[in-house]
């Protein structure tokens, strides 16, 4: 890249008059607003940041720190999103609003927006800070992003990012697209649980969703969100490399296999998670059937009911149980 620092949107205490000139009130995806997330583009908050970082041990991530109400940044966000979505999950774009999540900007020592990082195995690598020129933007999309993917593969990070069906806030770690719904779309009885999840209190969110299910056992959304909250409470901040190493070293340890299945689910590797636990049962670990079955039933609440991976896994589990 050319100059590493250029004028952007300042985080300093003084009012940035130029930023005010370019401020829009439209939400991302609305007319006149920033490009929406979706596909392989997620929006990450302070609550979901650690979970997002953990998934970078499964697939590489491009971090864009921006302010989604500043129209100077829209073209950059659009071009990055288009470039990433064309790669079908080889890399994910995680967008972070530094005006709403200043602690992330501080942790990454970012002075203003936009800023761009590559994230592989939890390690951020700075790419650019400030508004890129057309030439720099082309270099990022055409050359640098493929280089990041190649670096990740050389480091053993070869997984595929989950595809989001719509805007996501990054806490939707399983790739079902469900956690990205706005607060105005959350059913009233789910509001408390949803708020706890957004704050990063996944254990509290799981307990709150369990209370919803006591009132309505057929609430499939609550069941799905409870399973996701339990998953993130257990393993959202796990060291993925250590978990995988432990599972490889202890193939007969049910806890080690459950832990690595968790990180597979968080990384969007749903088939891998299902197969790992089902193969574990098939290899003669019937004494662990109840524990593995309970974890699989929890996982089964996360994908869409028509997902063929879910249907195959259910059939295979039924076969292994009898």
Protein backbone atom coordinates (compact mmCIF):
# COMPACT_ATOMS: atom_id res chain seq x y z
CA UNK A 1 0.00 0.00 0.00
CA UNK A 2 1.02 3.59 -0.45
CA UNK A 3 0.90 5.94 2.52
CA UNK A 4 -0.20 3.99 5.61
CA UNK A 5 -2.15 6.91 7.09
CA UNK A 6 -4.47 9.32 5.33
CA UNK A 7 -7.19 11.70 6.45
CA UNK A 8 -10.27 9.77 7.46
CA UNK A 9 -12.98 10.10 10.09
CA UNK A 10 -11.29 11.26 13.29
CA UNK A 11 -11.94 9.73 16.69
CA UNK A 12 -10.42 12.73 18.46
CA UNK A 13 -12.50 14.94 20.74
CA UNK A 14 -12.79 17.82 18.27
CA UNK A 15 -15.85 17.88 16.03
CA UNK A 16 -15.03 16.66 12.53
CA UNK A 17 -16.96 19.14 10.39
CA UNK A 18 -16.18 17.26 7.19
CA UNK A 19 -17.70 14.13 8.72
CA UNK A 20 -20.88 16.02 9.58
CA UNK A 21 -21.23 17.10 5.94
CA UNK A 22 -21.22 13.47 4.84
CA UNK A 23 -23.46 12.05 7.55
CA UNK A 24 -26.59 10.23 6.41
CA UNK A 25 -29.54 9.08 8.49
CA UNK A 26 -30.53 6.09 6.38
CA UNK A 27 -29.81 2.65 7.81
CA UNK A 28 -27.54 0.23 5.91
CA UNK A 29 -29.51 -1.32 3.09
CA UNK A 30 -32.01 1.54 2.89
CA UNK A 31 -32.12 4.07 0.06
CA UNK A 32 -29.26 6.52 0.52
CA UNK A 33 -27.67 4.38 3.21
CA UNK A 34 -24.61 2.19 3.44
CA UNK A 35 -24.54 -1.22 1.74
CA UNK A 36 -26.15 -3.88 3.91
CA UNK A 37 -24.41 -6.96 5.24
CA UNK A 38 -25.30 -10.47 4.13
CA UNK A 39 -23.65 -13.21 2.14
CA UNK A 40 -20.15 -13.37 3.61
CA UNK A 41 -20.36 -9.87 5.08
CA UNK A 42 -21.21 -9.54 8.79
CA UNK A 43 -21.43 -6.63 11.22
CA UNK A 44 -19.56 -7.22 14.47
CA UNK A 45 -20.09 -5.50 17.83
CA UNK A 46 -18.16 -5.46 21.09
CA UNK A 47 -20.45 -8.25 22.32
CA UNK A 48 -19.66 -10.55 19.39
CA UNK A 49 -16.06 -9.50 18.77
CA UNK A 50 -14.36 -12.34 20.68
CA UNK A 51 -16.53 -14.96 18.99
CA UNK A 52 -15.68 -13.49 15.60
CA UNK A 53 -11.95 -13.52 16.43
CA UNK A 54 -12.22 -17.19 17.45
CA UNK A 55 -13.59 -18.13 14.03
CA UNK A 56 -10.49 -16.71 12.36
CA UNK A 57 -8.79 -19.98 13.27
CA UNK A 58 -11.26 -21.67 10.90
CA UNK A 59 -11.34 -19.18 8.01
CA UNK A 60 -9.60 -15.85 7.32
CA UNK A 61 -11.40 -12.59 8.03
CA UNK A 62 -11.07 -9.10 6.59
CA UNK A 63 -11.81 -6.48 9.28
CA UNK A 64 -13.20 -3.15 8.12
CA UNK A 65 -13.43 -0.49 10.82
CA UNK A 66 -15.80 2.21 9.62
CA UNK A 67 -18.68 4.54 10.45
CA UNK A 68 -21.77 3.34 8.53
CA UNK A 69 -23.38 6.81 8.50
CA UNK A 70 -20.48 8.46 6.61
CA UNK A 71 -21.18 8.28 2.89
CA UNK A 72 -17.48 8.68 2.01
CA UNK A 73 -17.00 5.09 3.14
CA UNK A 74 -19.89 3.52 1.23
CA UNK A 75 -17.98 2.86 -1.98
CA UNK A 76 -15.16 1.13 -0.11
CA UNK A 77 -17.63 -1.03 1.84
CA UNK A 78 -19.50 -1.92 -1.34
CA UNK A 79 -16.37 -2.92 -3.26
CA UNK A 80 -15.00 -4.99 -0.37
CA UNK A 81 -18.36 -6.74 0.06
CA UNK A 82 -18.60 -7.56 -3.64
CA UNK A 83 -15.02 -8.88 -3.73
CA UNK A 84 -15.52 -11.07 -0.65
CA UNK A 85 -18.92 -12.43 -1.72
CA UNK A 86 -17.49 -13.55 -5.07
CA UNK A 87 -15.11 -15.87 -3.21
CA UNK A 88 -17.93 -18.01 -1.76
CA UNK A 89 -16.71 -18.29 1.82
CA UNK A 90 -12.95 -18.44 1.32
CA UNK A 91 -12.84 -15.25 3.43
CA UNK A 92 -15.32 -13.25 5.48
CA UNK A 93 -15.71 -9.47 5.76
CA UNK A 94 -16.41 -8.29 9.30
CA UNK A 95 -17.48 -4.64 9.52
CA UNK A 96 -17.13 -2.81 12.84
CA UNK A 97 -18.78 0.54 13.55
CA UNK A 98 -16.12 2.32 15.61
CA UNK A 99 -18.49 5.08 16.65
CA UNK A 100 -20.66 2.49 18.42
CA UNK A 101 -17.79 0.16 19.41
CA UNK A 102 -14.85 2.42 20.33
CA UNK A 103 -13.10 -0.17 22.49
CA UNK A 104 -12.36 -2.28 19.40
CA UNK A 105 -10.76 0.71 17.68
CA UNK A 106 -8.70 1.36 20.81
CA UNK A 107 -7.60 -2.28 21.05
CA UNK A 108 -6.43 -2.18 17.44
CA UNK A 109 -4.83 1.27 17.94
CA UNK A 110 -6.89 2.77 15.16
CA UNK A 111 -6.98 6.57 15.01
CA UNK A 112 -9.97 6.90 12.70
CA UNK A 113 -12.09 5.31 10.01
CA UNK A 114 -11.74 3.58 7.68
CA UNK A 115 -9.12 1.04 8.67
CA UNK A 116 -8.58 -2.40 7.21
CA UNK A 117 -6.98 -5.49 8.78
CA UNK A 118 -6.57 -9.14 7.88
CA UNK A 119 -7.30 -11.58 10.72
CA UNK A 120 -5.83 -15.09 10.66
CA UNK A 121 -5.72 -17.35 13.74
CA UNK A 122 -6.65 -14.41 15.93
CA UNK A 123 -3.73 -12.30 14.70
CA UNK A 124 -4.62 -8.93 13.15
CA UNK A 125 -2.41 -7.65 10.35
CA UNK A 126 -2.84 -3.99 9.31
CA UNK A 127 -3.55 -3.37 5.65
CA UNK A 128 -4.59 0.26 5.35
CA UNK A 129 -5.88 3.22 7.33
CA UNK A 130 -7.64 6.10 5.65
CA UNK A 131 -9.60 6.40 2.44
CA UNK A 132 -7.94 4.35 -0.34
CA UNK A 133 -7.36 5.68 -3.83
CA UNK A 134 -8.98 3.84 -6.74
CA UNK A 135 -5.63 2.19 -7.46
CA UNK A 136 -5.22 1.05 -3.85
CA UNK A 137 -8.80 -0.24 -3.76
CA UNK A 138 -8.18 -2.30 -6.89
CA UNK A 139 -4.96 -3.64 -5.38
CA UNK A 140 -6.83 -4.71 -2.23
CA UNK A 141 -9.67 -6.47 -4.04
CA UNK A 142 -7.65 -8.01 -6.89
CA UNK A 143 -4.34 -8.86 -5.23
CA UNK A 144 -4.30 -8.49 -1.48
CA UNK A 145 -7.44 -10.45 -0.59
CA UNK A 146 -6.25 -13.53 -2.54
CA UNK A 147 -2.87 -13.17 -0.79
CA UNK A 148 -4.60 -13.20 2.61
CA UNK A 149 -6.45 -16.38 1.67
CA UNK A 150 -3.17 -17.97 0.54
CA UNK A 151 -1.46 -16.96 3.80
CA UNK A 152 -4.32 -18.48 5.77
CA UNK A 153 -4.09 -21.75 3.85
CA UNK A 154 -0.35 -21.91 4.47
CA UNK A 155 -1.13 -21.53 8.19
CA UNK A 156 -3.62 -24.40 8.10
CA UNK A 157 -6.68 -22.13 8.13
CA UNK A 158 -8.62 -23.72 5.30
CA UNK A 159 -12.27 -23.67 6.43
CA UNK A 160 -15.20 -21.99 4.73
CA UNK A 161 -17.08 -19.05 6.23
CA UNK A 162 -20.82 -19.52 6.80
CA UNK A 163 -23.11 -17.67 4.43
CA UNK A 164 -25.57 -15.21 5.94
CA UNK A 165 -29.03 -15.00 4.40
CA UNK A 166 -29.35 -11.34 5.41
CA UNK A 167 -27.79 -8.65 7.62
CA UNK A 168 -25.95 -10.16 10.58
CA UNK A 169 -24.36 -8.79 13.71
CA UNK A 170 -21.67 -11.45 13.98
CA UNK A 171 -23.20 -13.23 16.95
CA UNK A 172 -24.84 -15.46 14.36
CA UNK A 173 -21.84 -17.74 14.44
CA UNK A 174 -23.55 -20.79 13.01
CA UNK A 175 -24.35 -19.24 9.66
CA UNK A 176 -28.10 -19.71 9.80
CA UNK A 177 -28.66 -15.96 9.44
CA UNK A 178 -31.03 -15.85 12.39
CA UNK A 179 -29.16 -13.65 14.81
CA UNK A 180 -28.97 -10.72 12.49
CA UNK A 181 -32.55 -9.63 12.91
CA UNK A 182 -33.01 -6.16 14.25
CA UNK A 183 -34.35 -5.51 17.76
CA UNK A 184 -37.65 -4.32 16.27
CA UNK A 185 -38.16 -7.81 14.81
CA UNK A 186 -37.46 -9.67 18.05
CA UNK A 187 -40.68 -11.05 19.58
CA UNK A 188 -41.56 -9.24 22.83
CA UNK A 189 -41.16 -12.39 24.90
CA UNK A 190 -37.61 -12.77 23.54
CA UNK A 191 -36.46 -9.21 24.26
CA UNK A 192 -34.70 -9.94 27.56
CA UNK A 193 -32.87 -12.98 26.19
CA UNK A 194 -31.93 -11.14 23.00
CA UNK A 195 -30.57 -8.18 24.98
CA UNK A 196 -28.42 -10.48 27.13
CA UNK A 197 -27.00 -12.14 24.02
CA UNK A 198 -26.19 -8.76 22.48
CA UNK A 199 -24.34 -7.85 25.69
CA UNK A 200 -22.25 -11.01 25.42
CA UNK A 201 -23.96 -12.72 28.39
CA UNK A 202 -24.64 -15.93 26.53
CA UNK A 203 -25.22 -18.04 29.65
CA UNK A 204 -27.83 -15.55 30.82
CA UNK A 205 -29.39 -15.48 27.36
CA UNK A 206 -29.64 -19.29 27.30
CA UNK A 207 -31.38 -19.27 30.68
CA UNK A 208 -33.80 -16.56 29.50
CA UNK A 209 -34.62 -18.48 26.32
CA UNK A 210 -35.20 -21.59 28.46
CA UNK A 211 -37.85 -19.65 30.37
CA UNK A 212 -39.52 -18.71 27.08
CA UNK A 213 -39.57 -22.39 26.13
CA UNK A 214 -41.22 -23.31 29.43
CA UNK A 215 -44.15 -21.12 28.39
CA UNK A 216 -44.13 -22.30 24.77
CA UNK A 217 -42.20 -25.53 24.11
CA UNK A 218 -42.99 -25.18 20.39
CA UNK A 219 -41.20 -21.82 20.01
CA UNK A 220 -38.64 -22.89 17.41
CA UNK A 221 -36.91 -19.49 17.34
CA UNK A 222 -36.35 -19.59 21.10
CA UNK A 223 -35.02 -23.15 20.83
CA UNK A 224 -32.60 -22.14 18.10
CA UNK A 225 -31.39 -19.03 19.92
CA UNK A 226 -31.00 -20.97 23.18
CA UNK A 227 -28.83 -23.55 21.44
CA UNK A 228 -26.68 -20.82 19.90
CA UNK A 229 -26.34 -19.06 23.25
CA UNK A 230 -25.30 -22.30 24.98
CA UNK A 231 -22.77 -22.93 22.23
CA UNK A 232 -21.20 -19.47 22.56
CA UNK A 233 -21.27 -19.61 26.38
CA UNK A 234 -19.26 -22.84 26.31
CA UNK A 235 -16.84 -22.19 23.50
CA UNK A 236 -17.22 -18.67 22.11
CA UNK A 237 -13.81 -17.62 23.41
CA UNK A 238 -12.06 -20.99 23.10
CA UNK A 239 -8.54 -21.22 21.70
CA UNK A 240 -9.43 -23.12 18.54
CA UNK A 241 -5.94 -24.44 17.85
CA UNK A 242 -5.62 -25.81 21.39
CA UNK A 243 -9.07 -27.40 21.22
CA UNK A 244 -8.26 -29.12 17.93
CA UNK A 245 -4.87 -30.30 19.20
CA UNK A 246 -6.45 -31.78 22.33
CA UNK A 247 -9.11 -33.58 20.31
CA UNK A 248 -6.47 -35.04 17.99
CA UNK A 249 -4.36 -36.20 20.93
CA UNK A 250 -7.34 -37.74 22.78
CA UNK A 251 -9.63 -39.33 20.17
CA UNK A 252 -11.47 -41.41 22.83
CA UNK A 253 -12.18 -38.48 25.17
CA UNK A 254 -15.80 -37.46 24.78
CA UNK A 255 -15.26 -34.00 26.30
CA UNK A 256 -12.44 -33.28 23.83
CA UNK A 257 -14.62 -34.34 20.91
CA UNK A 258 -17.58 -32.28 22.12
CA UNK A 259 -15.32 -29.25 22.48
CA UNK A 260 -13.98 -29.48 18.94
CA UNK A 261 -17.49 -30.06 17.59
CA UNK A 262 -18.46 -26.80 19.32
CA UNK A 263 -15.75 -24.84 17.53
CA UNK A 264 -16.81 -26.45 14.25
CA UNK A 265 -20.35 -25.21 14.81
CA UNK A 266 -19.17 -21.72 15.75
CA UNK A 267 -17.06 -21.63 12.60
CA UNK A 268 -20.03 -22.62 10.46
CA UNK A 269 -18.70 -26.13 9.81
CA UNK A 270 -22.01 -27.77 10.61
CA UNK A 271 -21.40 -30.97 8.65
CA UNK A 272 -18.01 -31.43 10.31
CA UNK A 273 -19.57 -31.05 13.76
CA UNK A 274 -22.31 -33.57 13.01
CA UNK A 275 -19.92 -36.08 11.44
CA UNK A 276 -17.37 -35.80 14.24
CA UNK A 277 -19.86 -36.74 16.95
CA UNK A 278 -21.66 -39.37 14.89
CA UNK A 279 -18.35 -40.97 13.87
CA UNK A 280 -17.33 -40.94 17.53
CA UNK A 281 -20.43 -42.95 18.42
CA UNK A 282 -19.98 -45.28 15.44
CA UNK A 283 -16.40 -46.06 16.45
CA UNK A 284 -17.59 -47.87 19.59
CA UNK A 285 -18.21 -45.16 22.18
CA UNK A 286 -21.77 -46.21 22.94
CA UNK A 287 -21.19 -45.53 26.66
CA UNK A 288 -21.13 -41.84 25.76
CA UNK A 289 -24.34 -42.06 23.73
CA UNK A 290 -26.53 -39.97 26.02
CA UNK A 291 -24.03 -37.12 26.35
CA UNK A 292 -23.35 -36.99 22.62
CA UNK A 293 -27.04 -37.30 21.78
CA UNK A 294 -27.90 -34.34 24.00
CA UNK A 295 -25.26 -32.19 22.32
CA UNK A 296 -26.44 -33.22 18.85
CA UNK A 297 -30.05 -32.40 19.72
CA UNK A 298 -28.84 -28.96 20.78
CA UNK A 299 -27.04 -28.55 17.44
CA UNK A 300 -30.07 -29.82 15.52
CA UNK A 301 -32.08 -26.77 16.64
CA UNK A 302 -29.70 -24.40 14.82
CA UNK A 303 -29.96 -25.11 11.05
CA UNK A 304 -33.16 -24.61 9.07
CA UNK A 305 -35.48 -27.66 9.41
CA UNK A 306 -35.18 -28.41 5.69
CA UNK A 307 -31.37 -28.43 5.73
CA UNK A 308 -30.34 -31.78 4.18
CA UNK A 309 -27.36 -32.00 6.56
CA UNK A 310 -29.79 -32.00 9.47
CA UNK A 311 -32.01 -34.66 7.96
CA UNK A 312 -29.06 -36.97 7.25
CA UNK A 313 -27.65 -36.49 10.75
CA UNK A 314 -31.00 -37.24 12.39
CA UNK A 315 -31.35 -40.48 10.42
CA UNK A 316 -27.83 -41.56 11.27
CA UNK A 317 -28.26 -40.79 14.98
CA UNK A 318 -31.47 -42.84 15.04
CA UNK A 319 -29.60 -45.76 13.46
CA UNK A 320 -26.76 -45.54 15.98
CA UNK A 321 -29.14 -45.46 18.93
CA UNK A 322 -30.76 -48.82 18.11
